[in-house]
PDB file of N, CA and C in Angstrom:
ATOM      1  N   MET A   1    -158.385 -80.553 171.885  1.00  0.00           N
ATOM      2  CA  MET A   1    -158.201 -79.796 170.795  1.00  0.00           C
ATOM      3  C   MET A   1    -157.611 -80.833 169.551  1.00  0.00           C
ATOM      4  N   LEU A   2    -156.696 -81.474 170.056  1.00  0.00           N
ATOM      5  CA  LEU A   2    -156.130 -82.229 168.842  1.00  0.00           C
ATOM      6  C   LEU A   2    -157.004 -83.421 168.454  1.00  0.00           C
ATOM      7  N   THR A   3    -157.964 -83.876 169.146  1.00  0.00           N
ATOM      8  CA  THR A   3    -158.986 -84.776 168.586  1.00  0.00           C
ATOM      9  C   THR A   3    -159.834 -84.032 167.527  1.00  0.00           C
ATOM     10  N   PHE A   4    -160.224 -82.803 168.101  1.00  0.00           N
ATOM     11  CA  PHE A   4    -161.074 -82.023 167.045  1.00  0.00           C
ATOM     12  C   PHE A   4    -160.291 -81.649 165.762  1.00  0.00           C
ATOM     13  N   ALA A   5    -158.980 -81.344 165.920  1.00  0.00           N
ATOM     14  CA  ALA A   5    -158.020 -81.172 164.620  1.00  0.00           C
ATOM     15  C   ALA A   5    -158.067 -82.404 163.652  1.00  0.00           C
ATOM     16  N   LYS A   6    -157.667 -83.450 164.447  1.00  0.00           N
ATOM     17  CA  LYS A   6    -157.761 -84.949 163.617  1.00  0.00           C
ATOM     18  C   LYS A   6    -159.126 -85.113 162.990  1.00  0.00           C
ATOM     19  N   VAL A   7    -160.352 -84.894 163.495  1.00  0.00           N
ATOM     20  CA  VAL A   7    -161.727 -85.211 162.927  1.00  0.00           C
ATOM     21  C   VAL A   7    -161.931 -84.100 161.932  1.00  0.00           C
ATOM     22  N   LEU A   8    -161.537 -82.898 162.026  1.00  0.00           N
ATOM     23  CA  LEU A   8    -161.318 -82.088 160.861  1.00  0.00           C
ATOM     24  C   LEU A   8    -160.739 -82.368 159.887  1.00  0.00           C
ATOM     25  N   LEU A   9    -159.542 -82.821 160.067  1.00  0.00           N
ATOM     26  CA  LEU A   9    -158.443 -83.168 158.975  1.00  0.00           C
ATOM     27  C   LEU A   9    -159.138 -84.384 158.104  1.00  0.00           C
ATOM     28  N   ALA A  10    -159.810 -85.445 158.769  1.00  0.00           N
ATOM     29  CA  ALA A  10    -160.261 -86.696 158.333  1.00  0.00           C
ATOM     30  C   ALA A  10    -161.559 -86.081 157.256  1.00  0.00           C
ATOM     31  N   LEU A  11    -162.465 -85.328 157.902  1.00  0.00           N
ATOM     32  CA  LEU A  11    -163.599 -84.998 157.300  1.00  0.00           C
ATOM     33  C   LEU A  11    -163.323 -84.258 155.986  1.00  0.00           C
ATOM     34  N   SER A  12    -162.410 -83.347 156.193  1.00  0.00           N
ATOM     35  CA  SER A  12    -161.772 -82.475 154.956  1.00  0.00           C
ATOM     36  C   SER A  12    -161.121 -83.493 153.889  1.00  0.00           C
ATOM     37  N   SER A  13    -160.391 -84.446 154.256  1.00  0.00           N
ATOM     38  CA  SER A  13    -159.806 -85.204 153.298  1.00  0.00           C
ATOM     39  C   SER A  13    -160.841 -86.073 152.457  1.00  0.00           C
ATOM     40  N   ILE A  14    -161.640 -86.424 153.311  1.00  0.00           N
ATOM     41  CA  ILE A  14    -162.873 -87.381 152.399  1.00  0.00           C
ATOM     42  C   ILE A  14    -163.748 -86.383 151.496  1.00  0.00           C
ATOM     43  N   LEU A  15    -164.004 -85.267 151.943  1.00  0.00           N
ATOM     44  CA  LEU A  15    -164.846 -84.214 151.247  1.00  0.00           C
ATOM     45  C   LEU A  15    -163.945 -83.717 150.229  1.00  0.00           C
ATOM     46  N   LEU A  16    -162.624 -83.464 150.238  1.00  0.00           N
ATOM     47  CA  LEU A  16    -161.743 -83.217 149.132  1.00  0.00           C
ATOM     48  C   LEU A  16    -161.727 -84.296 148.198  1.00  0.00           C
ATOM     49  N   VAL A  17    -161.452 -85.429 148.358  1.00  0.00           N
ATOM     50  CA  VAL A  17    -161.464 -86.774 147.526  1.00  0.00           C
ATOM     51  C   VAL A  17    -162.798 -86.680 146.804  1.00  0.00           C
ATOM     52  N   THR A  18    -164.002 -86.596 147.470  1.00  0.00           N
ATOM     53  CA  THR A  18    -165.213 -86.582 146.849  1.00  0.00           C
ATOM     54  C   THR A  18    -165.380 -85.672 145.758  1.00  0.00           C
ATOM     55  N   VAL A  19    -165.126 -84.444 145.988  1.00  0.00           N
ATOM     56  CA  VAL A  19    -165.353 -83.316 145.184  1.00  0.00           C
ATOM     57  C   VAL A  19    -164.401 -83.432 144.190  1.00  0.00           C
ATOM     58  N   ILE A  20    -163.061 -83.642 144.315  1.00  0.00           N
ATOM     59  CA  ILE A  20    -162.329 -83.691 143.093  1.00  0.00           C
ATOM     60  C   ILE A  20    -162.767 -84.917 142.067  1.00  0.00           C
ATOM     61  N   LEU A  21    -163.539 -86.028 142.684  1.00  0.00           N
ATOM     62  CA  LEU A  21    -163.928 -87.029 141.692  1.00  0.00           C
ATOM     63  C   LEU A  21    -165.152 -86.631 141.241  1.00  0.00           C
ATOM     64  N   LEU A  22    -166.040 -85.679 141.891  1.00  0.00           N
ATOM     65  CA  LEU A  22    -167.271 -85.221 141.114  1.00  0.00           C
ATOM     66  C   LEU A  22    -166.969 -84.348 139.866  1.00  0.00           C
ATOM     67  N   GLN A  23    -165.675 -83.776 139.759  1.00  0.00           N
ATOM     68  CA  GLN A  23    -165.313 -82.875 138.742  1.00  0.00           C
ATOM     69  C   GLN A  23    -165.289 -83.472 137.313  1.00  0.00           C
ATOM     70  N   SER A  24    -165.631 -82.922 136.261  1.00  0.00           N
ATOM     71  CA  SER A  24    -165.402 -83.635 135.071  1.00  0.00           C
ATOM     72  C   SER A  24    -164.098 -83.516 134.475  1.00  0.00           C
ATOM     73  N   GLY A  25    -163.282 -84.419 133.795  1.00  0.00           N
ATOM     74  CA  GLY A  25    -162.111 -84.296 133.620  1.00  0.00           C
ATOM     75  C   GLY A  25    -161.787 -83.503 132.161  1.00  0.00           C
ATOM     76  N   ARG A  26    -160.391 -82.998 131.946  1.00  0.00           N
ATOM     77  CA  ARG A  26    -160.229 -82.307 130.854  1.00  0.00           C
ATOM     78  C   ARG A  26    -160.257 -82.808 129.581  1.00  0.00           C
ATOM     79  N   SER A  27    -159.966 -84.339 129.505  1.00  0.00           N
ATOM     80  CA  SER A  27    -159.876 -85.078 128.280  1.00  0.00           C
ATOM     81  C   SER A  27    -160.800 -86.173 128.468  1.00  0.00           C
ATOM     82  N   ALA A  28    -161.707 -85.999 129.356  1.00  0.00           N
ATOM     83  CA  ALA A  28    -162.890 -87.048 129.508  1.00  0.00           C
ATOM     84  C   ALA A  28    -162.399 -88.622 129.755  1.00  0.00           C
ATOM     85  N   GLY A  29    -161.158 -88.641 130.330  1.00  0.00           N
ATOM     86  CA  GLY A  29    -160.577 -89.867 130.680  1.00  0.00           C
ATOM     87  C   GLY A  29    -160.373 -91.050 129.888  1.00  0.00           C
ATOM     88  N   LEU A  30    -160.539 -92.195 130.181  1.00  0.00           N
ATOM     89  CA  LEU A  30    -160.344 -93.297 129.519  1.00  0.00           C
ATOM     90  C   LEU A  30    -161.105 -93.518 128.359  1.00  0.00           C
ATOM     91  N   GLY A  31    -162.479 -92.932 128.429  1.00  0.00           N
ATOM     92  CA  GLY A  31    -163.422 -93.158 127.463  1.00  0.00           C
ATOM     93  C   GLY A  31    -162.920 -92.368 126.108  1.00  0.00           C
ATOM     94  N   ALA A  32    -162.030 -91.320 126.349  1.00  0.00           N
ATOM     95  CA  ALA A  32    -161.796 -90.626 125.136  1.00  0.00           C
ATOM     96  C   ALA A  32    -160.665 -91.392 124.484  1.00  0.00           C
ATOM     97  N   ILE A  33    -159.616 -92.005 125.151  1.00  0.00           N
ATOM     98  CA  ILE A  33    -158.666 -92.760 124.642  1.00  0.00           C
ATOM     99  C   ILE A  33    -159.142 -94.025 124.039  1.00  0.00           C
ATOM    100  N   THR A  34    -160.207 -94.654 124.435  1.00  0.00           N
ATOM    101  CA  THR A  34    -160.555 -95.795 123.499  1.00  0.00           C
ATOM    102  C   THR A  34    -161.846 -95.437 122.647  1.00  0.00           C
ATOM    103  N   GLY A  35    -161.995 -94.384 122.421  1.00  0.00           N
ATOM    104  CA  GLY A  35    -163.167 -94.012 121.412  1.00  0.00           C
ATOM    105  C   GLY A  35    -164.467 -93.948 121.911  1.00  0.00           C
ATOM    106  N   GLY A  36    -164.672 -94.297 123.246  1.00  0.00           N
ATOM    107  CA  GLY A  36    -166.027 -94.157 123.386  1.00  0.00           C
ATOM    108  C   GLY A  36    -166.654 -93.084 123.715  1.00  0.00           C
ATOM    109  N   GLY A  37    -167.845 -92.847 123.796  1.00  0.00           N
ATOM    110  CA  GLY A  37    -168.513 -91.366 123.835  1.00  0.00           C
ATOM    111  C   GLY A  37    -169.324 -91.326 125.154  1.00  0.00           C
ATOM    112  N   ASN A  38    -170.323 -90.387 124.905  1.00  0.00           N
ATOM    113  CA  ASN A  38    -171.105 -90.230 126.181  1.00  0.00           C
ATOM    114  C   ASN A  38    -172.615 -90.920 125.437  1.00  0.00           C
ATOM    115  N   GLU A  39    -172.579 -92.176 125.481  1.00  0.00           N
ATOM    116  CA  GLU A  39    -173.823 -92.734 124.759  1.00  0.00           C
ATOM    117  C   GLU A  39    -175.067 -92.482 125.503  1.00  0.00           C
ATOM    118  N   GLY A  40    -175.290 -92.889 126.906  1.00  0.00           N
ATOM    119  CA  GLY A  40    -176.267 -92.828 127.828  1.00  0.00           C
ATOM    120  C   GLY A  40    -176.851 -91.638 127.873  1.00  0.00           C
ATOM    121  N   GLY A  41    -175.947 -90.469 127.933  1.00  0.00           N
ATOM    122  CA  GLY A  41    -176.341 -89.205 128.381  1.00  0.00           C
ATOM    123  C   GLY A  41    -176.612 -89.399 130.042  1.00  0.00           C
ATOM    124  N   ALA A  42    -176.190 -90.191 130.936  1.00  0.00           N
ATOM    125  CA  ALA A  42    -176.531 -90.315 132.263  1.00  0.00           C
ATOM    126  C   ALA A  42    -175.340 -89.616 132.986  1.00  0.00           C
ATOM    127  N   SER A  43    -174.222 -89.182 132.261  1.00  0.00           N
ATOM    128  CA  SER A  43    -173.115 -88.519 133.002  1.00  0.00           C
ATOM    129  C   SER A  43    -172.894 -87.048 132.747  1.00  0.00           C
ATOM    130  N   ARG A  44    -174.010 -86.683 131.919  1.00  0.00           N
ATOM    131  CA  ARG A  44    -174.042 -85.224 131.448  1.00  0.00           C
ATOM    132  C   ARG A  44    -174.228 -84.478 132.810  1.00  0.00           C
ATOM    133  N   ARG A  45    -173.527 -83.357 132.852  1.00  0.00           N
ATOM    134  CA  ARG A  45    -173.637 -82.366 133.928  1.00  0.00           C
ATOM    135  C   ARG A  45    -173.724 -80.792 133.346  1.00  0.00           C
ATOM    136  N   GLY A  46    -174.518 -80.031 133.957  1.00  0.00           N
ATOM    137  CA  GLY A  46    -174.629 -78.657 133.488  1.00  0.00           C
ATOM    138  C   GLY A  46    -173.374 -77.932 133.455  1.00  0.00           C
ATOM    139  N   LYS A  47    -173.174 -76.853 132.947  1.00  0.00           N
ATOM    140  CA  LYS A  47    -171.951 -75.895 132.889  1.00  0.00           C
ATOM    141  C   LYS A  47    -171.976 -75.306 134.197  1.00  0.00           C
ATOM    142  N   GLY A  48    -172.962 -75.179 134.620  1.00  0.00           N
ATOM    143  CA  GLY A  48    -172.989 -74.274 136.086  1.00  0.00           C
ATOM    144  C   GLY A  48    -172.305 -75.072 137.052  1.00  0.00           C
ATOM    145  N   THR A  49    -172.110 -76.379 137.298  1.00  0.00           N
ATOM    146  CA  THR A  49    -171.529 -77.049 138.626  1.00  0.00           C
ATOM    147  C   THR A  49    -170.075 -77.193 138.285  1.00  0.00           C
ATOM    148  N   ASP A  50    -169.438 -77.252 137.227  1.00  0.00           N
ATOM    149  CA  ASP A  50    -168.043 -77.011 137.216  1.00  0.00           C
ATOM    150  C   ASP A  50    -167.291 -75.749 137.940  1.00  0.00           C
ATOM    151  N   PRO A  51    -167.708 -74.513 137.855  1.00  0.00           N
ATOM    152  CA  PRO A  51    -167.025 -73.486 138.513  1.00  0.00           C
ATOM    153  C   PRO A  51    -167.470 -73.742 140.080  1.00  0.00           C
ATOM    154  N   MET A  52    -168.522 -74.146 140.501  1.00  0.00           N
ATOM    155  CA  MET A  52    -168.728 -74.410 141.771  1.00  0.00           C
ATOM    156  C   MET A  52    -168.101 -75.381 142.592  1.00  0.00           C
ATOM    157  N   LEU A  53    -167.816 -76.584 141.680  1.00  0.00           N
ATOM    158  CA  LEU A  53    -167.116 -77.605 142.380  1.00  0.00           C
ATOM    159  C   LEU A  53    -165.355 -77.181 142.458  1.00  0.00           C
ATOM    160  N   ALA A  54    -164.915 -76.335 141.448  1.00  0.00           N
ATOM    161  CA  ALA A  54    -163.763 -75.776 141.610  1.00  0.00           C
ATOM    162  C   ALA A  54    -163.436 -74.987 142.680  1.00  0.00           C
ATOM    163  N   ARG A  55    -164.605 -74.277 142.868  1.00  0.00           N
ATOM    164  CA  ARG A  55    -164.314 -73.211 144.381  1.00  0.00           C
ATOM    165  C   ARG A  55    -164.434 -74.011 145.456  1.00  0.00           C
ATOM    166  N   THR A  56    -165.430 -75.047 145.532  1.00  0.00           N
ATOM    167  CA  THR A  56    -165.337 -75.763 146.553  1.00  0.00           C
ATOM    168  C   THR A  56    -164.205 -76.587 146.968  1.00  0.00           C
ATOM    169  N   THR A  57    -163.525 -77.024 145.868  1.00  0.00           N
ATOM    170  CA  THR A  57    -162.091 -77.836 145.936  1.00  0.00           C
ATOM    171  C   THR A  57    -161.116 -76.851 146.624  1.00  0.00           C
ATOM    172  N   SER A  58    -161.157 -75.655 146.175  1.00  0.00           N
ATOM    173  CA  SER A  58    -160.247 -74.674 146.667  1.00  0.00           C
ATOM    174  C   SER A  58    -160.515 -74.547 148.243  1.00  0.00           C
ATOM    175  N   ILE A  59    -161.673 -74.234 148.569  1.00  0.00           N
ATOM    176  CA  ILE A  59    -161.965 -73.961 150.038  1.00  0.00           C
ATOM    177  C   ILE A  59    -161.570 -75.217 150.922  1.00  0.00           C
ATOM    178  N   VAL A  60    -162.024 -76.428 150.392  1.00  0.00           N
ATOM    179  CA  VAL A  60    -161.855 -77.696 151.108  1.00  0.00           C
ATOM    180  C   VAL A  60    -160.051 -77.727 151.386  1.00  0.00           C
ATOM    181  N   ALA A  61    -159.534 -77.737 150.294  1.00  0.00           N
ATOM    182  CA  ALA A  61    -157.927 -77.768 150.150  1.00  0.00           C
ATOM    183  C   ALA A  61    -157.231 -76.755 151.153  1.00  0.00           C
ATOM    184  N   VAL A  62    -157.792 -75.634 151.230  1.00  0.00           N
ATOM    185  CA  VAL A  62    -157.232 -74.693 152.233  1.00  0.00           C
ATOM    186  C   VAL A  62    -157.478 -75.165 153.698  1.00  0.00           C
ATOM    187  N   ILE A  63    -158.820 -75.707 153.992  1.00  0.00           N
ATOM    188  CA  ILE A  63    -159.094 -76.272 155.341  1.00  0.00           C
ATOM    189  C   ILE A  63    -158.311 -77.382 155.504  1.00  0.00           C
ATOM    190  N   PHE A  64    -157.997 -78.337 154.686  1.00  0.00           N
ATOM    191  CA  PHE A  64    -157.146 -79.493 154.623  1.00  0.00           C
ATOM    192  C   PHE A  64    -155.615 -79.185 155.229  1.00  0.00           C
ATOM    193  N   PHE A  65    -155.297 -78.052 154.454  1.00  0.00           N
ATOM    194  CA  PHE A  65    -153.881 -77.749 154.814  1.00  0.00           C
ATOM    195  C   PHE A  65    -153.572 -76.886 156.131  1.00  0.00           C
ATOM    196  N   ALA A  66    -154.794 -76.160 156.361  1.00  0.00           N
ATOM    197  CA  ALA A  66    -154.746 -75.381 157.615  1.00  0.00           C
ATOM    198  C   ALA A  66    -154.871 -76.378 158.826  1.00  0.00           C
ATOM    199  N   ALA A  67    -155.694 -77.502 158.535  1.00  0.00           N
ATOM    200  CA  ALA A  67    -155.767 -78.566 159.784  1.00  0.00           C
ATOM    201  C   ALA A  67    -154.443 -79.357 159.969  1.00  0.00           C
ATOM    202  N   SER A  68    -153.773 -79.581 158.817  1.00  0.00           N
ATOM    203  CA  SER A  68    -152.651 -80.470 158.746  1.00  0.00           C
ATOM    204  C   SER A  68    -151.504 -79.460 159.452  1.00  0.00           C
ATOM    205  N   ILE A  69    -151.402 -78.176 159.236  1.00  0.00           N
ATOM    206  CA  ILE A  69    -150.448 -77.392 159.859  1.00  0.00           C
ATOM    207  C   ILE A  69    -150.702 -77.259 161.673  1.00  0.00           C
ATOM    208  N   TRP A  70    -152.125 -76.987 161.766  1.00  0.00           N
ATOM    209  CA  TRP A  70    -152.620 -76.819 163.054  1.00  0.00           C
ATOM    210  C   TRP A  70    -152.200 -78.342 163.941  1.00  0.00           C
ATOM    211  N   ILE A  71    -152.372 -79.389 163.353  1.00  0.00           N
ATOM    212  CA  ILE A  71    -152.021 -80.637 164.043  1.00  0.00           C
ATOM    213  C   ILE A  71    -150.606 -80.902 164.162  1.00  0.00           C
ATOM    214  N   ALA A  72    -149.825 -80.151 163.212  1.00  0.00           N
ATOM    215  CA  ALA A  72    -148.375 -80.392 163.477  1.00  0.00           C
ATOM    216  C   ALA A  72    -147.969 -79.353 164.462  1.00  0.00           C
ATOM    217  N   TRP A  73    -148.720 -78.105 164.545  1.00  0.00           N
ATOM    218  CA  TRP A  73    -148.206 -77.190 165.715  1.00  0.00           C
ATOM    219  C   TRP A  73    -148.454 -77.667 166.974  1.00  0.00           C
ATOM    220  N   LEU A  74    -149.900 -78.360 167.180  1.00  0.00           N
ATOM    221  CA  LEU A  74    -150.403 -78.998 168.434  1.00  0.00           C
ATOM    222  C   LEU A  74    -149.469 -80.008 168.947  1.00  0.00           C
ATOM    223  N   VAL A  75    -148.877 -80.944 168.122  1.00  0.00           N
ATOM    224  CA  VAL A  75    -148.124 -81.862 168.461  1.00  0.00           C
ATOM    225  C   VAL A  75    -146.734 -81.529 168.895  1.00  0.00           C
ATOM    226  N   THR A  76    -146.126 -80.467 168.382  1.00  0.00           N
ATOM    227  CA  THR A  76    -145.078 -79.942 168.763  1.00  0.00           C
ATOM    228  C   THR A  76    -144.927 -79.097 169.987  1.00  0.00           C
ATOM    229  N   HIS A  77    -146.141 -78.286 170.374  1.00  0.00           N
ATOM    230  CA  HIS A  77    -146.198 -77.720 171.257  1.00  0.00           C
ATOM    231  C   HIS A  77    -146.910 -78.292 172.591  1.00  0.00           C
TER     232      HIS A  77
END
């Protein structure tokens, strides 16, 4: 059971980092500071993906925290 919880925690952490990095930033990151724009258009995303990524982030974060608490409980009992 502990091994399953650890695998779940590892997979959810990788997925959480990936989903967070896929989201578009609020201030467009370092490109906005240096004056760079979106020249190529290669990084354009549709407006429909941001709400889906935000919801996915919330779900994966809950799974991550639940797995963390579950592992702590399994280790102490």
